[in-house]
Amino acid sequence: MSPASFVQEWLSLIAVAISVGGAAYSFLTARSKANSTRLDAIDERLSSHAERIHEVESELRHLPDKDSVTELKLALAELKGTVGRLDENLGGVARTVARIDEYLLRERGQ
């Protein structure tokens, strides 16, 4: 075997190894780019959802809790009772005013 053929065999083996390595690298990086694109889209959606969740949480902070709603219900029931009593009292006052009005009209007519 001559030194030139020996070098030529090694160079051909190196060329095959480089081409196989290049093909493998291309295959792996192409899938990596596709995955990178998908991950970027997922990251964008996740960021959008995080913003929406933050907005909802900030709105929920301003809403009353169950204890506050219960207190409001009790206060409204108490207010309803108070208004009912006032209505009864005003009915009596209205009847009294009507009687005074009738009396004054009769007295004037005499």
PDB file of N, CA and C in Angstrom:
ATOM      1  N   MET A   1       0.841  -1.159   0.000  1.00  0.00           N
ATOM      2  CA  MET A   1       0.000   0.000   0.000  1.00  0.00           C
ATOM      3  C   MET A   1       0.898   1.238   0.000  1.00  0.00           C
ATOM      4  N   SER A   2       0.594   2.074  -0.929  1.00  0.00           N
ATOM      5  CA  SER A   2       1.427   3.265  -1.062  1.00  0.00           C
ATOM      6  C   SER A   2       0.915   4.340  -0.119  1.00  0.00           C
ATOM      7  N   PRO A   3       1.819   5.254   0.246  1.00  0.00           N
ATOM      8  CA  PRO A   3       1.399   6.300   1.168  1.00  0.00           C
ATOM      9  C   PRO A   3       0.291   7.168   0.586  1.00  0.00           C
ATOM     10  N   ALA A   4       0.245   7.360  -0.714  1.00  0.00           N
ATOM     11  CA  ALA A   4      -0.791   8.199  -1.318  1.00  0.00           C
ATOM     12  C   ALA A   4      -2.145   7.527  -1.203  1.00  0.00           C
ATOM     13  N   SER A   5      -2.211   6.208  -1.420  1.00  0.00           N
ATOM     14  CA  SER A   5      -3.488   5.511  -1.312  1.00  0.00           C
ATOM     15  C   SER A   5      -3.936   5.445   0.150  1.00  0.00           C
ATOM     16  N   PHE A   6      -2.974   5.327   1.054  1.00  0.00           N
ATOM     17  CA  PHE A   6      -3.283   5.308   2.474  1.00  0.00           C
ATOM     18  C   PHE A   6      -3.905   6.635   2.892  1.00  0.00           C
ATOM     19  N   VAL A   7      -3.324   7.750   2.471  1.00  0.00           N
ATOM     20  CA  VAL A   7      -3.846   9.083   2.785  1.00  0.00           C
ATOM     21  C   VAL A   7      -5.201   9.267   2.128  1.00  0.00           C
ATOM     22  N   GLN A   8      -5.317   8.751   0.876  1.00  0.00           N
ATOM     23  CA  GLN A   8      -6.580   8.892   0.151  1.00  0.00           C
ATOM     24  C   GLN A   8      -7.688   8.129   0.878  1.00  0.00           C
ATOM     25  N   GLU A   9      -7.422   6.928   1.402  1.00  0.00           N
ATOM     26  CA  GLU A   9      -8.423   6.158   2.139  1.00  0.00           C
ATOM     27  C   GLU A   9      -8.835   6.899   3.410  1.00  0.00           C
ATOM     28  N   TRP A  10      -7.841   7.435   4.110  1.00  0.00           N
ATOM     29  CA  TRP A  10      -8.159   8.164   5.328  1.00  0.00           C
ATOM     30  C   TRP A  10      -8.948   9.439   5.022  1.00  0.00           C
ATOM     31  N   LEU A  11      -8.584  10.115   3.968  1.00  0.00           N
ATOM     32  CA  LEU A  11      -9.327  11.323   3.601  1.00  0.00           C
ATOM     33  C   LEU A  11     -10.759  10.985   3.205  1.00  0.00           C
ATOM     34  N   SER A  12     -10.947   9.861   2.499  1.00  0.00           N
ATOM     35  CA  SER A  12     -12.312   9.476   2.127  1.00  0.00           C
ATOM     36  C   SER A  12     -13.110   9.093   3.369  1.00  0.00           C
ATOM     37  N   LEU A  13     -12.490   8.422   4.335  1.00  0.00           N
ATOM     38  CA  LEU A  13     -13.179   8.102   5.588  1.00  0.00           C
ATOM     39  C   LEU A  13     -13.520   9.366   6.373  1.00  0.00           C
ATOM     40  N   ILE A  14     -12.596  10.301   6.405  1.00  0.00           N
ATOM     41  CA  ILE A  14     -12.854  11.571   7.086  1.00  0.00           C
ATOM     42  C   ILE A  14     -13.983  12.324   6.392  1.00  0.00           C
ATOM     43  N   ALA A  15     -14.007  12.315   5.053  1.00  0.00           N
ATOM     44  CA  ALA A  15     -15.063  12.999   4.305  1.00  0.00           C
ATOM     45  C   ALA A  15     -16.416  12.356   4.591  1.00  0.00           C
ATOM     46  N   VAL A  16     -16.465  11.018   4.654  1.00  0.00           N
ATOM     47  CA  VAL A  16     -17.715  10.323   4.975  1.00  0.00           C
ATOM     48  C   VAL A  16     -18.147  10.679   6.397  1.00  0.00           C
ATOM     49  N   ALA A  17     -17.191  10.685   7.332  1.00  0.00           N
ATOM     50  CA  ALA A  17     -17.524  11.024   8.714  1.00  0.00           C
ATOM     51  C   ALA A  17     -18.044  12.453   8.819  1.00  0.00           C
ATOM     52  N   ILE A  18     -17.433  13.374   8.093  1.00  0.00           N
ATOM     53  CA  ILE A  18     -17.892  14.768   8.106  1.00  0.00           C
ATOM     54  C   ILE A  18     -19.287  14.877   7.515  1.00  0.00           C
ATOM     55  N   SER A  19     -19.554  14.169   6.413  1.00  0.00           N
ATOM     56  CA  SER A  19     -20.878  14.254   5.795  1.00  0.00           C
ATOM     57  C   SER A  19     -21.936  13.622   6.686  1.00  0.00           C
ATOM     58  N   VAL A  20     -21.616  12.483   7.338  1.00  0.00           N
ATOM     59  CA  VAL A  20     -22.573  11.865   8.261  1.00  0.00           C
ATOM     60  C   VAL A  20     -22.797  12.782   9.462  1.00  0.00           C
ATOM     61  N   GLY A  21     -21.731  13.369   9.988  1.00  0.00           N
ATOM     62  CA  GLY A  21     -21.864  14.299  11.100  1.00  0.00           C
ATOM     63  C   GLY A  21     -22.676  15.525  10.711  1.00  0.00           C
ATOM     64  N   GLY A  22     -22.458  16.038   9.511  1.00  0.00           N
ATOM     65  CA  GLY A  22     -23.230  17.193   9.041  1.00  0.00           C
ATOM     66  C   GLY A  22     -24.700  16.865   8.888  1.00  0.00           C
ATOM     67  N   ALA A  23     -24.995  15.662   8.370  1.00  0.00           N
ATOM     68  CA  ALA A  23     -26.393  15.244   8.219  1.00  0.00           C
ATOM     69  C   ALA A  23     -27.055  15.107   9.592  1.00  0.00           C
ATOM     70  N   ALA A  24     -26.328  14.486  10.529  1.00  0.00           N
ATOM     71  CA  ALA A  24     -26.883  14.333  11.875  1.00  0.00           C
ATOM     72  C   ALA A  24     -27.103  15.696  12.524  1.00  0.00           C
ATOM     73  N   TYR A  25     -26.166  16.590  12.362  1.00  0.00           N
ATOM     74  CA  TYR A  25     -26.305  17.941  12.923  1.00  0.00           C
ATOM     75  C   TYR A  25     -27.498  18.663  12.304  1.00  0.00           C
ATOM     76  N   SER A  26     -27.656  18.554  10.994  1.00  0.00           N
ATOM     77  CA  SER A  26     -28.789  19.190  10.320  1.00  0.00           C
ATOM     78  C   SER A  26     -30.105  18.621  10.830  1.00  0.00           C
ATOM     79  N   PHE A  27     -30.150  17.288  10.978  1.00  0.00           N
ATOM     80  CA  PHE A  27     -31.369  16.646  11.465  1.00  0.00           C
ATOM     81  C   PHE A  27     -31.710  17.130  12.878  1.00  0.00           C
ATOM     82  N   LEU A  28     -30.716  17.172  13.737  1.00  0.00           N
ATOM     83  CA  LEU A  28     -30.956  17.578  15.121  1.00  0.00           C
ATOM     84  C   LEU A  28     -31.298  19.051  15.250  1.00  0.00           C
ATOM     85  N   THR A  29     -30.626  19.903  14.497  1.00  0.00           N
ATOM     86  CA  THR A  29     -30.914  21.338  14.609  1.00  0.00           C
ATOM     87  C   THR A  29     -32.236  21.701  13.956  1.00  0.00           C
ATOM     88  N   ALA A  30     -32.646  20.967  12.920  1.00  0.00           N
ATOM     89  CA  ALA A  30     -33.944  21.259  12.299  1.00  0.00           C
ATOM     90  C   ALA A  30     -35.056  20.973  13.294  1.00  0.00           C
ATOM     91  N   ARG A  31     -34.971  19.893  14.009  1.00  0.00           N
ATOM     92  CA  ARG A  31     -35.982  19.579  15.030  1.00  0.00           C
ATOM     93  C   ARG A  31     -35.905  20.579  16.174  1.00  0.00           C
ATOM     94  N   SER A  32     -34.708  21.011  16.493  1.00  0.00           N
ATOM     95  CA  SER A  32     -34.535  21.984  17.556  1.00  0.00           C
ATOM     96  C   SER A  32     -35.176  23.321  17.169  1.00  0.00           C
ATOM     97  N   LYS A  33     -35.036  23.722  15.915  1.00  0.00           N
ATOM     98  CA  LYS A  33     -35.651  24.977  15.466  1.00  0.00           C
ATOM     99  C   LYS A  33     -37.169  24.880  15.508  1.00  0.00           C
ATOM    100  N   ALA A  34     -37.700  23.720  15.080  1.00  0.00           N
ATOM    101  CA  ALA A  34     -39.152  23.538  15.131  1.00  0.00           C
ATOM    102  C   ALA A  34     -39.637  23.584  16.581  1.00  0.00           C
ATOM    103  N   ASN A  35     -38.910  22.923  17.456  1.00  0.00           N
ATOM    104  CA  ASN A  35     -39.283  22.943  18.875  1.00  0.00           C
ATOM    105  C   ASN A  35     -39.135  24.337  19.463  1.00  0.00           C
ATOM    106  N   SER A  36     -38.121  25.040  19.041  1.00  0.00           N
ATOM    107  CA  SER A  36     -37.920  26.406  19.526  1.00  0.00           C
ATOM    108  C   SER A  36     -39.084  27.295  19.120  1.00  0.00           C
ATOM    109  N   THR A  37     -39.566  27.132  17.884  1.00  0.00           N
ATOM    110  CA  THR A  37     -40.709  27.916  17.412  1.00  0.00           C
ATOM    111  C   THR A  37     -41.950  27.580  18.232  1.00  0.00           C
ATOM    112  N   ARG A  38     -42.168  26.294  18.472  1.00  0.00           N
ATOM    113  CA  ARG A  38     -43.329  25.888  19.271  1.00  0.00           C
ATOM    114  C   ARG A  38     -43.218  26.409  20.693  1.00  0.00           C
ATOM    115  N   LEU A  39     -42.025  26.346  21.260  1.00  0.00           N
ATOM    116  CA  LEU A  39     -41.840  26.844  22.626  1.00  0.00           C
ATOM    117  C   LEU A  39     -42.043  28.351  22.711  1.00  0.00           C
ATOM    118  N   ASP A  40     -41.635  29.072  21.679  1.00  0.00           N
ATOM    119  CA  ASP A  40     -41.876  30.521  21.666  1.00  0.00           C
ATOM    120  C   ASP A  40     -43.369  30.813  21.637  1.00  0.00           C
ATOM    121  N   ALA A  41     -44.136  30.050  20.847  1.00  0.00           N
ATOM    122  CA  ALA A  41     -45.587  30.252  20.786  1.00  0.00           C
ATOM    123  C   ALA A  41     -46.229  29.925  22.130  1.00  0.00           C
ATOM    124  N   ILE A  42     -45.771  28.849  22.753  1.00  0.00           N
ATOM    125  CA  ILE A  42     -46.316  28.464  24.061  1.00  0.00           C
ATOM    126  C   ILE A  42     -45.958  29.515  25.109  1.00  0.00           C
ATOM    127  N   ASP A  43     -44.752  30.031  25.055  1.00  0.00           N
ATOM    128  CA  ASP A  43     -44.321  31.063  25.999  1.00  0.00           C
ATOM    129  C   ASP A  43     -45.170  32.325  25.844  1.00  0.00           C
ATOM    130  N   GLU A  44     -45.497  32.675  24.611  1.00  0.00           N
ATOM    131  CA  GLU A  44     -46.332  33.859  24.363  1.00  0.00           C
ATOM    132  C   GLU A  44     -47.729  33.652  24.940  1.00  0.00           C
ATOM    133  N   ARG A  45     -48.308  32.454  24.722  1.00  0.00           N
ATOM    134  CA  ARG A  45     -49.631  32.169  25.272  1.00  0.00           C
ATOM    135  C   ARG A  45     -49.600  32.184  26.795  1.00  0.00           C
ATOM    136  N   LEU A  46     -48.548  31.624  27.372  1.00  0.00           N
ATOM    137  CA  LEU A  46     -48.417  31.592  28.827  1.00  0.00           C
ATOM    138  C   LEU A  46     -48.314  33.007  29.392  1.00  0.00           C
ATOM    139  N   SER A  47     -47.588  33.856  28.698  1.00  0.00           N
ATOM    140  CA  SER A  47     -47.467  35.242  29.136  1.00  0.00           C
ATOM    141  C   SER A  47     -48.820  35.946  29.073  1.00  0.00           C
ATOM    142  N   SER A  48     -49.577  35.679  28.009  1.00  0.00           N
ATOM    143  CA  SER A  48     -50.907  36.269  27.873  1.00  0.00           C
ATOM    144  C   SER A  48     -51.827  35.798  28.992  1.00  0.00           C
ATOM    145  N   HIS A  49     -51.773  34.506  29.296  1.00  0.00           N
ATOM    146  CA  HIS A  49     -52.603  33.980  30.382  1.00  0.00           C
ATOM    147  C   HIS A  49     -52.182  34.565  31.729  1.00  0.00           C
ATOM    148  N   ALA A  50     -50.900  34.746  31.927  1.00  0.00           N
ATOM    149  CA  ALA A  50     -50.429  35.323  33.189  1.00  0.00           C
ATOM    150  C   ALA A  50     -50.963  36.742  33.357  1.00  0.00           C
ATOM    151  N   GLU A  51     -50.988  37.517  32.291  1.00  0.00           N
ATOM    152  CA  GLU A  51     -51.524  38.883  32.364  1.00  0.00           C
ATOM    153  C   GLU A  51     -53.011  38.855  32.697  1.00  0.00           C
ATOM    154  N   ARG A  52     -53.753  37.951  32.041  1.00  0.00           N
ATOM    155  CA  ARG A  52     -55.185  37.866  32.297  1.00  0.00           C
ATOM    156  C   ARG A  52     -55.458  37.441  33.741  1.00  0.00           C
ATOM    157  N   ILE A  53     -54.692  36.488  34.241  1.00  0.00           N
ATOM    158  CA  ILE A  53     -54.873  36.034  35.620  1.00  0.00           C
ATOM    159  C   ILE A  53     -54.573  37.171  36.588  1.00  0.00           C
ATOM    160  N   HIS A  54     -53.549  37.951  36.296  1.00  0.00           N
ATOM    161  CA  HIS A  54     -53.213  39.093  37.159  1.00  0.00           C
ATOM    162  C   HIS A  54     -54.364  40.100  37.184  1.00  0.00           C
ATOM    163  N   GLU A  55     -54.966  40.366  36.029  1.00  0.00           N
ATOM    164  CA  GLU A  55     -56.088  41.305  35.975  1.00  0.00           C
ATOM    165  C   GLU A  55     -57.269  40.787  36.797  1.00  0.00           C
ATOM    166  N   VAL A  56     -57.576  39.505  36.661  1.00  0.00           N
ATOM    167  CA  VAL A  56     -58.691  38.927  37.410  1.00  0.00           C
ATOM    168  C   VAL A  56     -58.417  38.982  38.908  1.00  0.00           C
ATOM    169  N   GLU A  57     -57.200  38.661  39.307  1.00  0.00           N
ATOM    170  CA  GLU A  57     -56.859  38.704  40.729  1.00  0.00           C
ATOM    171  C   GLU A  57     -56.983  40.116  41.284  1.00  0.00           C
ATOM    172  N   SER A  58     -56.565  41.109  40.514  1.00  0.00           N
ATOM    173  CA  SER A  58     -56.665  42.479  41.021  1.00  0.00           C
ATOM    174  C   SER A  58     -58.126  42.915  41.122  1.00  0.00           C
ATOM    175  N   GLU A  59     -58.987  42.430  40.231  1.00  0.00           N
ATOM    176  CA  GLU A  59     -60.414  42.752  40.334  1.00  0.00           C
ATOM    177  C   GLU A  59     -61.054  42.036  41.518  1.00  0.00           C
ATOM    178  N   LEU A  60     -60.627  40.806  41.776  1.00  0.00           N
ATOM    179  CA  LEU A  60     -61.210  40.046  42.883  1.00  0.00           C
ATOM    180  C   LEU A  60     -60.849  40.638  44.235  1.00  0.00           C
ATOM    181  N   ARG A  61     -59.744  41.343  44.314  1.00  0.00           N
ATOM    182  CA  ARG A  61     -59.363  41.965  45.593  1.00  0.00           C
ATOM    183  C   ARG A  61     -60.381  42.999  46.039  1.00  0.00           C
ATOM    184  N   HIS A  62     -61.065  43.628  45.089  1.00  0.00           N
ATOM    185  CA  HIS A  62     -62.003  44.699  45.414  1.00  0.00           C
ATOM    186  C   HIS A  62     -63.397  44.177  45.760  1.00  0.00           C
ATOM    187  N   LEU A  63     -63.675  42.918  45.467  1.00  0.00           N
ATOM    188  CA  LEU A  63     -65.004  42.373  45.735  1.00  0.00           C
ATOM    189  C   LEU A  63     -65.132  41.996  47.206  1.00  0.00           C
ATOM    190  N   PRO A  64     -66.349  42.089  47.743  1.00  0.00           N
ATOM    191  CA  PRO A  64     -66.532  41.728  49.155  1.00  0.00           C
ATOM    192  C   PRO A  64     -66.439  40.216  49.343  1.00  0.00           C
ATOM    193  N   ASP A  65     -66.002  39.822  50.536  1.00  0.00           N
ATOM    194  CA  ASP A  65     -65.933  38.398  50.842  1.00  0.00           C
ATOM    195  C   ASP A  65     -67.277  37.949  51.407  1.00  0.00           C
ATOM    196  N   LYS A  66     -67.388  36.659  51.750  1.00  0.00           N
ATOM    197  CA  LYS A  66     -68.681  36.124  52.194  1.00  0.00           C
ATOM    198  C   LYS A  66     -69.135  36.752  53.501  1.00  0.00           C
ATOM    199  N   ASP A  67     -68.217  37.102  54.385  1.00  0.00           N
ATOM    200  CA  ASP A  67     -68.608  37.742  55.638  1.00  0.00           C
ATOM    201  C   ASP A  67     -69.193  39.122  55.395  1.00  0.00           C
ATOM    202  N   SER A  68     -68.600  39.864  54.467  1.00  0.00           N
ATOM    203  CA  SER A  68     -69.120  41.198  54.147  1.00  0.00           C
ATOM    204  C   SER A  68     -70.510  41.107  53.525  1.00  0.00           C
ATOM    205  N   VAL A  69     -70.721  40.120  52.666  1.00  0.00           N
ATOM    206  CA  VAL A  69     -72.038  39.949  52.048  1.00  0.00           C
ATOM    207  C   VAL A  69     -73.073  39.593  53.117  1.00  0.00           C
ATOM    208  N   THR A  70     -72.683  38.746  54.057  1.00  0.00           N
ATOM    209  CA  THR A  70     -73.599  38.381  55.140  1.00  0.00           C
ATOM    210  C   THR A  70     -73.957  39.608  55.975  1.00  0.00           C
ATOM    211  N   GLU A  71     -72.958  40.433  56.280  1.00  0.00           N
ATOM    212  CA  GLU A  71     -73.225  41.664  57.032  1.00  0.00           C
ATOM    213  C   GLU A  71     -74.163  42.588  56.252  1.00  0.00           C
ATOM    214  N   LEU A  72     -73.961  42.685  54.942  1.00  0.00           N
ATOM    215  CA  LEU A  72     -74.849  43.517  54.122  1.00  0.00           C
ATOM    216  C   LEU A  72     -76.279  42.994  54.142  1.00  0.00           C
ATOM    217  N   LYS A  73     -76.435  41.672  54.084  1.00  0.00           N
ATOM    218  CA  LYS A  73     -77.779  41.091  54.127  1.00  0.00           C
ATOM    219  C   LYS A  73     -78.456  41.416  55.449  1.00  0.00           C
ATOM    220  N   LEU A  74     -77.725  41.287  56.544  1.00  0.00           N
ATOM    221  CA  LEU A  74     -78.301  41.597  57.853  1.00  0.00           C
ATOM    222  C   LEU A  74     -78.664  43.074  57.966  1.00  0.00           C
ATOM    223  N   ALA A  75     -77.796  43.925  57.452  1.00  0.00           N
ATOM    224  CA  ALA A  75     -78.076  45.371  57.501  1.00  0.00           C
ATOM    225  C   ALA A  75     -79.306  45.708  56.663  1.00  0.00           C
ATOM    226  N   LEU A  76     -79.455  45.074  55.517  1.00  0.00           N
ATOM    227  CA  LEU A  76     -80.634  45.324  54.685  1.00  0.00           C
ATOM    228  C   LEU A  76     -81.909  44.833  55.357  1.00  0.00           C
ATOM    229  N   ALA A  77     -81.840  43.687  56.022  1.00  0.00           N
ATOM    230  CA  ALA A  77     -83.015  43.185  56.744  1.00  0.00           C
ATOM    231  C   ALA A  77     -83.403  44.147  57.858  1.00  0.00           C
ATOM    232  N   GLU A  78     -82.409  44.658  58.582  1.00  0.00           N
ATOM    233  CA  GLU A  78     -82.677  45.629  59.647  1.00  0.00           C
ATOM    234  C   GLU A  78     -83.274  46.908  59.074  1.00  0.00           C
ATOM    235  N   LEU A  79     -82.731  47.346  57.959  1.00  0.00           N
ATOM    236  CA  LEU A  79     -83.247  48.556  57.317  1.00  0.00           C
ATOM    237  C   LEU A  79     -84.678  48.363  56.840  1.00  0.00           C
ATOM    238  N   LYS A  80     -84.972  47.164  56.338  1.00  0.00           N
ATOM    239  CA  LYS A  80     -86.330  46.875  55.891  1.00  0.00           C
ATOM    240  C   LYS A  80     -87.309  46.964  57.064  1.00  0.00           C
ATOM    241  N   GLY A  81     -86.906  46.446  58.218  1.00  0.00           N
ATOM    242  CA  GLY A  81     -87.764  46.535  59.404  1.00  0.00           C
ATOM    243  C   GLY A  81     -87.960  47.973  59.845  1.00  0.00           C
ATOM    244  N   THR A  82     -86.905  48.747  59.806  1.00  0.00           N
ATOM    245  CA  THR A  82     -86.985  50.158  60.198  1.00  0.00           C
ATOM    246  C   THR A  82     -87.918  50.924  59.265  1.00  0.00           C
ATOM    247  N   VAL A  83     -87.802  50.674  57.968  1.00  0.00           N
ATOM    248  CA  VAL A  83     -88.667  51.362  57.000  1.00  0.00           C
ATOM    249  C   VAL A  83     -90.119  50.949  57.209  1.00  0.00           C
ATOM    250  N   GLY A  84     -90.353  49.676  57.564  1.00  0.00           N
ATOM    251  CA  GLY A  84     -91.728  49.236  57.842  1.00  0.00           C
ATOM    252  C   GLY A  84     -92.325  49.972  59.030  1.00  0.00           C
ATOM    253  N   ARG A  85     -91.517  50.132  60.074  1.00  0.00           N
ATOM    254  CA  ARG A  85     -92.017  50.875  61.244  1.00  0.00           C
ATOM    255  C   ARG A  85     -92.264  52.339  60.901  1.00  0.00           C
ATOM    256  N   LEU A  86     -91.395  52.934  60.110  1.00  0.00           N
ATOM    257  CA  LEU A  86     -91.603  54.326  59.706  1.00  0.00           C
ATOM    258  C   LEU A  86     -92.870  54.471  58.883  1.00  0.00           C
ATOM    259  N   ASP A  87     -93.146  53.487  58.051  1.00  0.00           N
ATOM    260  CA  ASP A  87     -94.361  53.531  57.230  1.00  0.00           C
ATOM    261  C   ASP A  87     -95.595  53.513  58.117  1.00  0.00           C
ATOM    262  N   GLU A  88     -95.581  52.694  59.164  1.00  0.00           N
ATOM    263  CA  GLU A  88     -96.711  52.661  60.102  1.00  0.00           C
ATOM    264  C   GLU A  88     -96.866  54.005  60.804  1.00  0.00           C
ATOM    265  N   ASN A  89     -95.746  54.566  61.246  1.00  0.00           N
ATOM    266  CA  ASN A  89     -95.812  55.866  61.942  1.00  0.00           C
ATOM    267  C   ASN A  89     -96.288  56.967  61.003  1.00  0.00           C
ATOM    268  N   LEU A  90     -95.811  56.962  59.782  1.00  0.00           N
ATOM    269  CA  LEU A  90     -96.229  57.995  58.835  1.00  0.00           C
ATOM    270  C   LEU A  90     -97.704  57.848  58.473  1.00  0.00           C
ATOM    271  N   GLY A  91     -98.204  56.630  58.490  1.00  0.00           N
ATOM    272  CA  GLY A  91     -99.644  56.435  58.247  1.00  0.00           C
ATOM    273  C   GLY A  91    -100.463  57.132  59.326  1.00  0.00           C
ATOM    274  N   GLY A  92    -100.038  56.980  60.582  1.00  0.00           N
ATOM    275  CA  GLY A  92    -100.733  57.658  61.682  1.00  0.00           C
ATOM    276  C   GLY A  92    -100.627  59.165  61.562  1.00  0.00           C
ATOM    277  N   VAL A  93     -99.445  59.654  61.186  1.00  0.00           N
ATOM    278  CA  VAL A  93     -99.263  61.104  61.024  1.00  0.00           C
ATOM    279  C   VAL A  93    -100.142  61.614  59.890  1.00  0.00           C
ATOM    280  N   ALA A  94    -100.244  60.846  58.822  1.00  0.00           N
ATOM    281  CA  ALA A  94    -101.068  61.268  57.679  1.00  0.00           C
ATOM    282  C   ALA A  94    -102.540  61.338  58.085  1.00  0.00           C
ATOM    283  N   ARG A  95    -103.000  60.373  58.878  1.00  0.00           N
ATOM    284  CA  ARG A  95    -104.396  60.424  59.332  1.00  0.00           C
ATOM    285  C   ARG A  95    -104.639  61.630  60.239  1.00  0.00           C
ATOM    286  N   THR A  96    -103.668  61.936  61.102  1.00  0.00           N
ATOM    287  CA  THR A  96    -103.801  63.088  61.991  1.00  0.00           C
ATOM    288  C   THR A  96    -103.843  64.380  61.196  1.00  0.00           C
ATOM    289  N   VAL A  97    -102.975  64.504  60.215  1.00  0.00           N
ATOM    290  CA  VAL A  97    -102.954  65.709  59.381  1.00  0.00           C
ATOM    291  C   VAL A  97    -104.270  65.839  58.617  1.00  0.00           C
ATOM    292  N   ALA A  98    -104.817  64.720  58.141  1.00  0.00           N
ATOM    293  CA  ALA A  98    -106.090  64.775  57.425  1.00  0.00           C
ATOM    294  C   ALA A  98    -107.205  65.251  58.358  1.00  0.00           C
ATOM    295  N   ARG A  99    -107.204  64.790  59.601  1.00  0.00           N
ATOM    296  CA  ARG A  99    -108.234  65.233  60.547  1.00  0.00           C
ATOM    297  C   ARG A  99    -108.084  66.718  60.880  1.00  0.00           C
ATOM    298  N   ILE A 100    -106.838  67.164  61.046  1.00  0.00           N
ATOM    299  CA  ILE A 100    -106.613  68.596  61.323  1.00  0.00           C
ATOM    300  C   ILE A 100    -107.081  69.425  60.141  1.00  0.00           C
ATOM    301  N   ASP A 101    -106.777  68.946  58.937  1.00  0.00           N
ATOM    302  CA  ASP A 101    -107.199  69.664  57.729  1.00  0.00           C
ATOM    303  C   ASP A 101    -108.724  69.746  57.662  1.00  0.00           C
ATOM    304  N   GLU A 102    -109.419  68.654  57.953  1.00  0.00           N
ATOM    305  CA  GLU A 102    -110.890  68.658  57.942  1.00  0.00           C
ATOM    306  C   GLU A 102    -111.434  69.623  59.004  1.00  0.00           C
ATOM    307  N   TYR A 103    -110.823  69.622  60.158  1.00  0.00           N
ATOM    308  CA  TYR A 103    -111.264  70.504  61.236  1.00  0.00           C
ATOM    309  C   TYR A 103    -111.106  71.970  60.826  1.00  0.00           C
ATOM    310  N   LEU A 104    -109.943  72.292  60.254  1.00  0.00           N
ATOM    311  CA  LEU A 104    -109.710  73.681  59.849  1.00  0.00           C
ATOM    312  C   LEU A 104    -110.673  74.104  58.751  1.00  0.00           C
ATOM    313  N   LEU A 105    -110.976  73.212  57.823  1.00  0.00           N
ATOM    314  CA  LEU A 105    -111.931  73.551  56.757  1.00  0.00           C
ATOM    315  C   LEU A 105    -113.335  73.760  57.329  1.00  0.00           C
ATOM    316  N   ARG A 106    -113.722  72.947  58.318  1.00  0.00           N
ATOM    317  CA  ARG A 106    -115.043  73.098  58.939  1.00  0.00           C
ATOM    318  C   ARG A 106    -115.142  74.387  59.731  1.00  0.00           C
ATOM    319  N   GLU A 107    -114.087  74.730  60.461  1.00  0.00           N
ATOM    320  CA  GLU A 107    -114.072  75.931  61.280  1.00  0.00           C
ATOM    321  C   GLU A 107    -114.140  77.176  60.407  1.00  0.00           C
ATOM    322  N   ARG A 108    -113.471  77.124  59.285  1.00  0.00           N
ATOM    323  CA  ARG A 108    -113.486  78.264  58.395  1.00  0.00           C
ATOM    324  C   ARG A 108    -114.876  78.438  57.758  1.00  0.00           C
ATOM    325  N   GLY A 109    -115.528  77.338  57.520  1.00  0.00           N
ATOM    326  CA  GLY A 109    -116.833  77.371  56.872  1.00  0.00           C
ATOM    327  C   GLY A 109    -117.938  77.853  57.801  1.00  0.00           C
ATOM    328  N   GLN A 110    -117.786  77.933  59.090  1.00  0.00           N
ATOM    329  CA  GLN A 110    -118.868  78.328  59.995  1.00  0.00           C
ATOM    330  C   GLN A 110    -119.174  79.745  59.926  1.00  0.00           C
TER     331      GLN A 110
END
